[in-house]
Amino acid sequence: FAEKGLIAWVVLATITANIEVLILIKAFGLEQTLGNI
């Protein structure tokens, strides 16, 4: 979708990350929230 695909991804990732960040996990020996990726 060229640039439209990237804009759609920004929308999806912004909303999704704000929900994932509520979850606290431990990985690679570190406390971290989801949503980072």
PDB file of all heavy atoms in Angstrom:
ATOM      1  N   PHE A   1       0.796  -1.231   0.000  1.00  0.00           N
ATOM      2  CA  PHE A   1       0.000   0.000   0.000  1.00  0.00           C
ATOM      3  C   PHE A   1       0.829   1.282   0.000  1.00  0.00           C
ATOM      4  O   PHE A   1       0.259   2.363   0.153  1.00  0.00           O
ATOM      5  CB  PHE A   1      -0.930   0.001   1.216  1.00  0.00           C
ATOM      6  CG  PHE A   1      -1.794  -1.226   1.313  1.00  0.00           C
ATOM      7  CD1 PHE A   1      -1.566  -2.183   2.297  1.00  0.00           C
ATOM      8  CD2 PHE A   1      -2.820  -1.447   0.406  1.00  0.00           C
ATOM      9  CE1 PHE A   1      -2.352  -3.324   2.390  1.00  0.00           C
ATOM     10  CE2 PHE A   1      -3.612  -2.593   0.498  1.00  0.00           C
ATOM     11  CZ  PHE A   1      -3.375  -3.533   1.487  1.00  0.00           C
ATOM     12  N   ALA A   2       2.157   1.153  -0.129  1.00  0.00           N
ATOM     13  CA  ALA A   2       3.051   2.311  -0.149  1.00  0.00           C
ATOM     14  C   ALA A   2       2.864   3.148   1.126  1.00  0.00           C
ATOM     15  O   ALA A   2       2.694   2.592   2.206  1.00  0.00           O
ATOM     16  CB  ALA A   2       2.829   3.130  -1.415  1.00  0.00           C
ATOM     17  N   GLU A   3       2.851   4.474   0.983  1.00  0.00           N
ATOM     18  CA  GLU A   3       2.802   5.329   2.167  1.00  0.00           C
ATOM     19  C   GLU A   3       1.497   5.160   2.947  1.00  0.00           C
ATOM     20  O   GLU A   3       1.477   5.306   4.176  1.00  0.00           O
ATOM     21  CB  GLU A   3       2.998   6.803   1.798  1.00  0.00           C
ATOM     22  CG  GLU A   3       1.926   7.411   0.916  1.00  0.00           C
ATOM     23  CD  GLU A   3       2.206   7.245  -0.564  1.00  0.00           C
ATOM     24  OE1 GLU A   3       2.955   6.317  -0.935  1.00  0.00           O
ATOM     25  OE2 GLU A   3       1.675   8.051  -1.357  1.00  0.00           O
ATOM     26  N   LYS A   4       0.407   4.801   2.282  1.00  0.00           N
ATOM     27  CA  LYS A   4      -0.869   4.593   2.989  1.00  0.00           C
ATOM     28  C   LYS A   4      -0.771   3.418   3.952  1.00  0.00           C
ATOM     29  O   LYS A   4      -1.376   3.420   5.021  1.00  0.00           O
ATOM     30  CB  LYS A   4      -2.000   4.372   1.985  1.00  0.00           C
ATOM     31  CG  LYS A   4      -2.320   5.579   1.114  1.00  0.00           C
ATOM     32  CD  LYS A   4      -3.479   5.286   0.180  1.00  0.00           C
ATOM     33  CE  LYS A   4      -3.837   6.498  -0.680  1.00  0.00           C
ATOM     34  NZ  LYS A   4      -2.742   6.849  -1.609  1.00  0.00           N
ATOM     35  N   GLY A   5      -0.017   2.404   3.567  1.00  0.00           N
ATOM     36  CA  GLY A   5       0.184   1.253   4.436  1.00  0.00           C
ATOM     37  C   GLY A   5       0.939   1.621   5.693  1.00  0.00           C
ATOM     38  O   GLY A   5       0.631   1.124   6.793  1.00  0.00           O
ATOM     39  N   LEU A   6       1.921   2.500   5.576  1.00  0.00           N
ATOM     40  CA  LEU A   6       2.686   2.937   6.744  1.00  0.00           C
ATOM     41  C   LEU A   6       1.837   3.791   7.680  1.00  0.00           C
ATOM     42  O   LEU A   6       1.935   3.669   8.904  1.00  0.00           O
ATOM     43  CB  LEU A   6       3.921   3.716   6.299  1.00  0.00           C
ATOM     44  CG  LEU A   6       4.974   2.915   5.520  1.00  0.00           C
ATOM     45  CD1 LEU A   6       6.097   3.822   5.073  1.00  0.00           C
ATOM     46  CD2 LEU A   6       5.509   1.762   6.353  1.00  0.00           C
ATOM     47  N   ILE A   7       0.999   4.646   7.102  1.00  0.00           N
ATOM     48  CA  ILE A   7       0.110   5.465   7.930  1.00  0.00           C
ATOM     49  C   ILE A   7      -0.875   4.571   8.682  1.00  0.00           C
ATOM     50  O   ILE A   7      -1.136   4.775   9.880  1.00  0.00           O
ATOM     51  CB  ILE A   7      -0.639   6.494   7.062  1.00  0.00           C
ATOM     52  CG1 ILE A   7       0.346   7.528   6.494  1.00  0.00           C
ATOM     53  CG2 ILE A   7      -1.734   7.199   7.873  1.00  0.00           C
ATOM     54  CD1 ILE A   7      -0.264   8.477   5.482  1.00  0.00           C
ATOM     55  N   ALA A   8      -1.411   3.564   7.990  1.00  0.00           N
ATOM     56  CA  ALA A   8      -2.323   2.621   8.648  1.00  0.00           C
ATOM     57  C   ALA A   8      -1.608   1.895   9.787  1.00  0.00           C
ATOM     58  O   ALA A   8      -2.189   1.666  10.858  1.00  0.00           O
ATOM     59  CB  ALA A   8      -2.860   1.615   7.632  1.00  0.00           C
ATOM     60  N   TRP A   9      -0.339   1.560   9.562  1.00  0.00           N
ATOM     61  CA  TRP A   9       0.416   0.862  10.613  1.00  0.00           C
ATOM     62  C   TRP A   9       0.614   1.769  11.829  1.00  0.00           C
ATOM     63  O   TRP A   9       0.504   1.308  12.967  1.00  0.00           O
ATOM     64  CB  TRP A   9       1.768   0.386  10.089  1.00  0.00           C
ATOM     65  CG  TRP A   9       2.528  -0.306  11.185  1.00  0.00           C
ATOM     66  CD1 TRP A   9       3.460   0.227  12.017  1.00  0.00           C
ATOM     67  CD2 TRP A   9       2.319  -1.659  11.639  1.00  0.00           C
ATOM     68  NE1 TRP A   9       3.870  -0.699  12.946  1.00  0.00           N
ATOM     69  CE2 TRP A   9       3.184  -1.857  12.730  1.00  0.00           C
ATOM     70  CE3 TRP A   9       1.508  -2.699  11.206  1.00  0.00           C
ATOM     71  CZ2 TRP A   9       3.253  -3.084  13.389  1.00  0.00           C
ATOM     72  CZ3 TRP A   9       1.574  -3.913  11.874  1.00  0.00           C
ATOM     73  CH2 TRP A   9       2.440  -4.089  12.950  1.00  0.00           C
ATOM     74  N   VAL A  10       0.913   3.032  11.597  1.00  0.00           N
ATOM     75  CA  VAL A  10       1.102   3.968  12.706  1.00  0.00           C
ATOM     76  C   VAL A  10      -0.161   4.030  13.568  1.00  0.00           C
ATOM     77  O   VAL A  10      -0.087   4.013  14.804  1.00  0.00           O
ATOM     78  CB  VAL A  10       1.467   5.375  12.181  1.00  0.00           C
ATOM     79  CG1 VAL A  10       1.394   6.410  13.304  1.00  0.00           C
ATOM     80  CG2 VAL A  10       2.871   5.371  11.584  1.00  0.00           C
ATOM     81  N   VAL A  11      -1.316   4.065  12.927  1.00  0.00           N
ATOM     82  CA  VAL A  11      -2.584   4.093  13.662  1.00  0.00           C
ATOM     83  C   VAL A  11      -2.762   2.821  14.486  1.00  0.00           C
ATOM     84  O   VAL A  11      -3.050   2.865  15.688  1.00  0.00           O
ATOM     85  CB  VAL A  11      -3.771   4.266  12.693  1.00  0.00           C
ATOM     86  CG1 VAL A  11      -5.100   4.083  13.430  1.00  0.00           C
ATOM     87  CG2 VAL A  11      -3.723   5.632  12.019  1.00  0.00           C
ATOM     88  N   LEU A  12      -2.574   1.670  13.843  1.00  0.00           N
ATOM     89  CA  LEU A  12      -2.731   0.387  14.533  1.00  0.00           C
ATOM     90  C   LEU A  12      -1.769   0.255  15.695  1.00  0.00           C
ATOM     91  O   LEU A  12      -2.158  -0.118  16.812  1.00  0.00           O
ATOM     92  CB  LEU A  12      -2.506  -0.759  13.534  1.00  0.00           C
ATOM     93  CG  LEU A  12      -2.431  -2.167  14.134  1.00  0.00           C
ATOM     94  CD1 LEU A  12      -3.779  -2.575  14.702  1.00  0.00           C
ATOM     95  CD2 LEU A  12      -1.963  -3.173  13.091  1.00  0.00           C
ATOM     96  N   ALA A  13      -0.496   0.573  15.457  1.00  0.00           N
ATOM     97  CA  ALA A  13       0.527   0.384  16.480  1.00  0.00           C
ATOM     98  C   ALA A  13       0.343   1.339  17.654  1.00  0.00           C
ATOM     99  O   ALA A  13       0.574   0.966  18.814  1.00  0.00           O
ATOM    100  CB  ALA A  13       1.912   0.569  15.865  1.00  0.00           C
ATOM    101  N   THR A  14      -0.091   2.563  17.376  1.00  0.00           N
ATOM    102  CA  THR A  14      -0.292   3.539  18.448  1.00  0.00           C
ATOM    103  C   THR A  14      -1.387   3.080  19.403  1.00  0.00           C
ATOM    104  O   THR A  14      -1.226   3.120  20.631  1.00  0.00           O
ATOM    105  CB  THR A  14      -0.659   4.915  17.860  1.00  0.00           C
ATOM    106  OG1 THR A  14       0.366   5.342  16.960  1.00  0.00           O
ATOM    107  CG2 THR A  14      -0.791   5.950  18.961  1.00  0.00           C
ATOM    108  N   ILE A  15      -2.498   2.615  18.859  1.00  0.00           N
ATOM    109  CA  ILE A  15      -3.608   2.152  19.696  1.00  0.00           C
ATOM    110  C   ILE A  15      -3.237   0.864  20.433  1.00  0.00           C
ATOM    111  O   ILE A  15      -3.471   0.732  21.638  1.00  0.00           O
ATOM    112  CB  ILE A  15      -4.869   1.935  18.841  1.00  0.00           C
ATOM    113  CG1 ILE A  15      -5.368   3.281  18.289  1.00  0.00           C
ATOM    114  CG2 ILE A  15      -5.972   1.270  19.666  1.00  0.00           C
ATOM    115  CD1 ILE A  15      -6.518   3.166  17.311  1.00  0.00           C
ATOM    116  N   THR A  16      -2.648  -0.078  19.712  1.00  0.00           N
ATOM    117  CA  THR A  16      -2.296  -1.368  20.306  1.00  0.00           C
ATOM    118  C   THR A  16      -1.281  -1.214  21.427  1.00  0.00           C
ATOM    119  O   THR A  16      -1.411  -1.842  22.491  1.00  0.00           O
ATOM    120  CB  THR A  16      -1.727  -2.308  19.232  1.00  0.00           C
ATOM    121  OG1 THR A  16      -2.666  -2.441  18.167  1.00  0.00           O
ATOM    122  CG2 THR A  16      -1.429  -3.677  19.822  1.00  0.00           C
ATOM    123  N   ALA A  17      -0.268  -0.379  21.211  1.00  0.00           N
ATOM    124  CA  ALA A  17       0.775  -0.197  22.221  1.00  0.00           C
ATOM    125  C   ALA A  17       0.204   0.357  23.516  1.00  0.00           C
ATOM    126  O   ALA A  17       0.667   0.004  24.609  1.00  0.00           O
ATOM    127  CB  ALA A  17       1.859   0.729  21.681  1.00  0.00           C
ATOM    128  N   ASN A  18      -0.816   1.208  23.407  1.00  0.00           N
ATOM    129  CA  ASN A  18      -1.409   1.807  24.600  1.00  0.00           C
ATOM    130  C   ASN A  18      -2.195   0.806  25.435  1.00  0.00           C
ATOM    131  O   ASN A  18      -2.438   1.041  26.621  1.00  0.00           O
ATOM    132  CB  ASN A  18      -2.311   2.972  24.194  1.00  0.00           C
ATOM    133  CG  ASN A  18      -1.526   4.183  23.768  1.00  0.00           C
ATOM    134  OD1 ASN A  18      -0.546   4.541  24.404  1.00  0.00           O
ATOM    135  ND2 ASN A  18      -1.931   4.812  22.678  1.00  0.00           N
ATOM    136  N   ILE A  19      -2.598  -0.296  24.840  1.00  0.00           N
ATOM    137  CA  ILE A  19      -3.257  -1.360  25.586  1.00  0.00           C
ATOM    138  C   ILE A  19      -2.219  -2.326  26.141  1.00  0.00           C
ATOM    139  O   ILE A  19      -2.251  -2.718  27.306  1.00  0.00           O
ATOM    140  CB  ILE A  19      -4.263  -2.117  24.689  1.00  0.00           C
ATOM    141  CG1 ILE A  19      -5.350  -1.152  24.200  1.00  0.00           C
ATOM    142  CG2 ILE A  19      -4.893  -3.285  25.444  1.00  0.00           C
ATOM    143  CD1 ILE A  19      -6.303  -1.762  23.196  1.00  0.00           C
ATOM    144  N   GLU A  20      -1.249  -2.679  25.301  1.00  0.00           N
ATOM    145  CA  GLU A  20      -0.202  -3.626  25.722  1.00  0.00           C
ATOM    146  C   GLU A  20       0.613  -3.107  26.906  1.00  0.00           C
ATOM    147  O   GLU A  20       1.097  -3.889  27.724  1.00  0.00           O
ATOM    148  CB  GLU A  20       0.758  -3.895  24.559  1.00  0.00           C
ATOM    149  CG  GLU A  20       0.219  -4.801  23.481  1.00  0.00           C
ATOM    150  CD  GLU A  20       1.280  -5.160  22.468  1.00  0.00           C
ATOM    151  OE1 GLU A  20       2.128  -4.303  22.140  1.00  0.00           O
ATOM    152  OE2 GLU A  20       1.278  -6.308  22.003  1.00  0.00           O
ATOM    153  N   VAL A  21       0.790  -1.783  26.985  1.00  0.00           N
ATOM    154  CA  VAL A  21       1.660  -1.214  28.007  1.00  0.00           C
ATOM    155  C   VAL A  21       1.121  -1.445  29.418  1.00  0.00           C
ATOM    156  O   VAL A  21       1.837  -1.275  30.407  1.00  0.00           O
ATOM    157  CB  VAL A  21       1.870   0.300  27.744  1.00  0.00           C
ATOM    158  CG1 VAL A  21       0.657   1.100  28.198  1.00  0.00           C
ATOM    159  CG2 VAL A  21       3.146   0.806  28.396  1.00  0.00           C
ATOM    160  N   LEU A  22      -0.140  -1.846  29.531  1.00  0.00           N
ATOM    161  CA  LEU A  22      -0.712  -2.166  30.841  1.00  0.00           C
ATOM    162  C   LEU A  22      -0.139  -3.451  31.422  1.00  0.00           C
ATOM    163  O   LEU A  22      -0.253  -3.704  32.621  1.00  0.00           O
ATOM    164  CB  LEU A  22      -2.237  -2.308  30.724  1.00  0.00           C
ATOM    165  CG  LEU A  22      -3.018  -1.044  30.344  1.00  0.00           C
ATOM    166  CD1 LEU A  22      -4.452  -1.406  30.010  1.00  0.00           C
ATOM    167  CD2 LEU A  22      -2.961  -0.021  31.462  1.00  0.00           C
ATOM    168  N   ILE A  23       0.495  -4.268  30.579  1.00  0.00           N
ATOM    169  CA  ILE A  23       1.007  -5.574  31.004  1.00  0.00           C
ATOM    170  C   ILE A  23       2.491  -5.465  31.337  1.00  0.00           C
ATOM    171  O   ILE A  23       3.288  -5.010  30.516  1.00  0.00           O
ATOM    172  CB  ILE A  23       0.800  -6.629  29.896  1.00  0.00           C
ATOM    173  CG1 ILE A  23      -0.673  -6.714  29.507  1.00  0.00           C
ATOM    174  CG2 ILE A  23       1.319  -7.987  30.344  1.00  0.00           C
ATOM    175  CD1 ILE A  23      -0.940  -7.592  28.295  1.00  0.00           C
ATOM    176  N   LEU A  24       2.859  -5.869  32.537  1.00  0.00           N
ATOM    177  CA  LEU A  24       4.246  -5.866  32.981  1.00  0.00           C
ATOM    178  C   LEU A  24       4.780  -7.298  32.938  1.00  0.00           C
ATOM    179  O   LEU A  24       4.183  -8.211  33.510  1.00  0.00           O
ATOM    180  CB  LEU A  24       4.351  -5.311  34.408  1.00  0.00           C
ATOM    181  CG  LEU A  24       5.750  -5.002  34.946  1.00  0.00           C
ATOM    182  CD1 LEU A  24       6.406  -3.895  34.139  1.00  0.00           C
ATOM    183  CD2 LEU A  24       5.668  -4.619  36.421  1.00  0.00           C
ATOM    184  N   ILE A  25       5.909  -7.496  32.235  1.00  0.00           N
ATOM    185  CA  ILE A  25       6.494  -8.830  32.111  1.00  0.00           C
ATOM    186  C   ILE A  25       7.966  -8.784  32.502  1.00  0.00           C
ATOM    187  O   ILE A  25       8.542  -7.709  32.691  1.00  0.00           O
ATOM    188  CB  ILE A  25       6.382  -9.377  30.667  1.00  0.00           C
ATOM    189  CG1 ILE A  25       7.221  -8.519  29.708  1.00  0.00           C
ATOM    190  CG2 ILE A  25       4.929  -9.452  30.227  1.00  0.00           C
ATOM    191  CD1 ILE A  25       7.398  -9.153  28.341  1.00  0.00           C
ATOM    192  N   LYS A  26       8.566  -9.956  32.597  1.00  0.00           N
ATOM    193  CA  LYS A  26      10.005 -10.051  32.811  1.00  0.00           C
ATOM    194  C   LYS A  26      10.595 -10.865  31.673  1.00  0.00           C
ATOM    195  O   LYS A  26      10.147 -11.980  31.387  1.00  0.00           O
ATOM    196  CB  LYS A  26      10.324 -10.712  34.153  1.00  0.00           C
ATOM    197  CG  LYS A  26      11.810 -10.652  34.505  1.00  0.00           C
ATOM    198  CD  LYS A  26      12.067 -11.063  35.947  1.00  0.00           C
ATOM    199  CE  LYS A  26      13.535 -10.880  36.299  1.00  0.00           C
ATOM    200  NZ  LYS A  26      13.815 -11.220  37.719  1.00  0.00           N
ATOM    201  N   ALA A  27      11.584 -10.281  30.992  1.00  0.00           N
ATOM    202  CA  ALA A  27      12.248 -10.962  29.884  1.00  0.00           C
ATOM    203  C   ALA A  27      13.679 -10.460  29.794  1.00  0.00           C
ATOM    204  O   ALA A  27      13.949  -9.295  30.081  1.00  0.00           O
ATOM    205  CB  ALA A  27      11.512 -10.714  28.567  1.00  0.00           C
ATOM    206  N   PHE A  28      14.587 -11.331  29.408  1.00  0.00           N
ATOM    207  CA  PHE A  28      16.014 -11.005  29.338  1.00  0.00           C
ATOM    208  C   PHE A  28      16.530 -10.480  30.677  1.00  0.00           C
ATOM    209  O   PHE A  28      17.425  -9.631  30.735  1.00  0.00           O
ATOM    210  CB  PHE A  28      16.282  -9.981  28.228  1.00  0.00           C
ATOM    211  CG  PHE A  28      15.844 -10.434  26.867  1.00  0.00           C
ATOM    212  CD1 PHE A  28      14.705  -9.900  26.286  1.00  0.00           C
ATOM    213  CD2 PHE A  28      16.560 -11.413  26.175  1.00  0.00           C
ATOM    214  CE1 PHE A  28      14.285 -10.321  25.018  1.00  0.00           C
ATOM    215  CE2 PHE A  28      16.149 -11.838  24.923  1.00  0.00           C
ATOM    216  CZ  PHE A  28      15.012 -11.298  24.342  1.00  0.00           C
ATOM    217  N   GLY A  29      15.907 -10.948  31.768  1.00  0.00           N
ATOM    218  CA  GLY A  29      16.322 -10.551  33.111  1.00  0.00           C
ATOM    219  C   GLY A  29      15.879  -9.165  33.520  1.00  0.00           C
ATOM    220  O   GLY A  29      16.339  -8.637  34.540  1.00  0.00           O
ATOM    221  N   LEU A  30      14.955  -8.554  32.760  1.00  0.00           N
ATOM    222  CA  LEU A  30      14.543  -7.179  33.013  1.00  0.00           C
ATOM    223  C   LEU A  30      13.032  -7.072  33.156  1.00  0.00           C
ATOM    224  O   LEU A  30      12.282  -7.731  32.432  1.00  0.00           O
ATOM    225  CB  LEU A  30      15.002  -6.263  31.869  1.00  0.00           C
ATOM    226  CG  LEU A  30      16.503  -6.171  31.599  1.00  0.00           C
ATOM    227  CD1 LEU A  30      16.753  -5.467  30.281  1.00  0.00           C
ATOM    228  CD2 LEU A  30      17.216  -5.451  32.738  1.00  0.00           C
ATOM    229  N   GLU A  31      12.600  -6.229  34.108  1.00  0.00           N
ATOM    230  CA  GLU A  31      11.181  -5.880  34.193  1.00  0.00           C
ATOM    231  C   GLU A  31      10.864  -4.897  33.073  1.00  0.00           C
ATOM    232  O   GLU A  31      11.570  -3.910  32.891  1.00  0.00           O
ATOM    233  CB  GLU A  31      10.867  -5.232  35.542  1.00  0.00           C
ATOM    234  CG  GLU A  31      11.070  -6.118  36.750  1.00  0.00           C
ATOM    235  CD  GLU A  31       9.950  -7.114  36.951  1.00  0.00           C
ATOM    236  OE1 GLU A  31       8.906  -6.975  36.264  1.00  0.00           O
ATOM    237  OE2 GLU A  31      10.111  -8.011  37.785  1.00  0.00           O
ATOM    238  N   GLN A  32       9.798  -5.153  32.336  1.00  0.00           N
ATOM    239  CA  GLN A  32       9.455  -4.266  31.229  1.00  0.00           C
ATOM    240  C   GLN A  32       7.971  -4.361  30.927  1.00  0.00           C
ATOM    241  O   GLN A  32       7.314  -5.349  31.260  1.00  0.00           O
ATOM    242  CB  GLN A  32      10.259  -4.629  29.984  1.00  0.00           C
ATOM    243  CG  GLN A  32      10.093  -6.072  29.539  1.00  0.00           C
ATOM    244  CD  GLN A  32      11.035  -6.453  28.426  1.00  0.00           C
ATOM    245  OE1 GLN A  32      10.780  -6.140  27.270  1.00  0.00           O
ATOM    246  NE2 GLN A  32      12.118  -7.131  28.777  1.00  0.00           N
ATOM    247  N   THR A  33       7.462  -3.314  30.289  1.00  0.00           N
ATOM    248  CA  THR A  33       6.075  -3.334  29.855  1.00  0.00           C
ATOM    249  C   THR A  33       6.001  -3.850  28.429  1.00  0.00           C
ATOM    250  O   THR A  33       6.953  -3.700  27.649  1.00  0.00           O
ATOM    251  CB  THR A  33       5.457  -1.928  29.903  1.00  0.00           C
ATOM    252  OG1 THR A  33       6.186  -1.056  29.033  1.00  0.00           O
ATOM    253  CG2 THR A  33       5.475  -1.374  31.319  1.00  0.00           C
ATOM    254  N   LEU A  34       4.882  -4.451  28.106  1.00  0.00           N
ATOM    255  CA  LEU A  34       4.636  -4.754  26.700  1.00  0.00           C
ATOM    256  C   LEU A  34       4.312  -3.436  25.979  1.00  0.00           C
ATOM    257  O   LEU A  34       4.063  -2.419  26.603  1.00  0.00           O
ATOM    258  CB  LEU A  34       3.473  -5.735  26.550  1.00  0.00           C
ATOM    259  CG  LEU A  34       3.773  -7.203  26.849  1.00  0.00           C
ATOM    260  CD1 LEU A  34       2.535  -8.056  26.594  1.00  0.00           C
ATOM    261  CD2 LEU A  34       4.934  -7.721  26.017  1.00  0.00           C
ATOM    262  N   GLY A  35       4.297  -3.482  24.686  1.00  0.00           N
ATOM    263  CA  GLY A  35       4.023  -2.280  23.915  1.00  0.00           C
ATOM    264  C   GLY A  35       5.277  -1.623  23.382  1.00  0.00           C
ATOM    265  O   GLY A  35       5.199  -0.752  22.505  1.00  0.00           O
ATOM    266  N   ASN A  36       6.447  -2.027  23.907  1.00  0.00           N
ATOM    267  CA  ASN A  36       7.695  -1.407  23.466  1.00  0.00           C
ATOM    268  C   ASN A  36       7.936  -1.610  21.974  1.00  0.00           C
ATOM    269  O   ASN A  36       8.325  -0.676  21.259  1.00  0.00           O
ATOM    270  CB  ASN A  36       8.884  -1.973  24.242  1.00  0.00           C
ATOM    271  CG  ASN A  36       8.846  -1.588  25.710  1.00  0.00           C
ATOM    272  OD1 ASN A  36       8.256  -0.584  26.084  1.00  0.00           O
ATOM    273  ND2 ASN A  36       9.463  -2.397  26.554  1.00  0.00           N
ATOM    274  N   ILE A  37       7.712  -2.821  21.507  1.00  0.00           N
ATOM    275  CA  ILE A  37       7.971  -3.121  20.103  1.00  0.00           C
ATOM    276  C   ILE A  37       6.986  -2.387  19.205  1.00  0.00           C
ATOM    277  O   ILE A  37       7.367  -1.765  18.204  1.00  0.00           O
ATOM    278  CB  ILE A  37       7.914  -4.636  19.849  1.00  0.00           C
ATOM    279  CG1 ILE A  37       9.094  -5.326  20.552  1.00  0.00           C
ATOM    280  CG2 ILE A  37       7.929  -4.948  18.348  1.00  0.00           C
ATOM    281  CD1 ILE A  37       9.058  -6.845  20.481  1.00  0.00           C
TER     282      ILE A  37
END
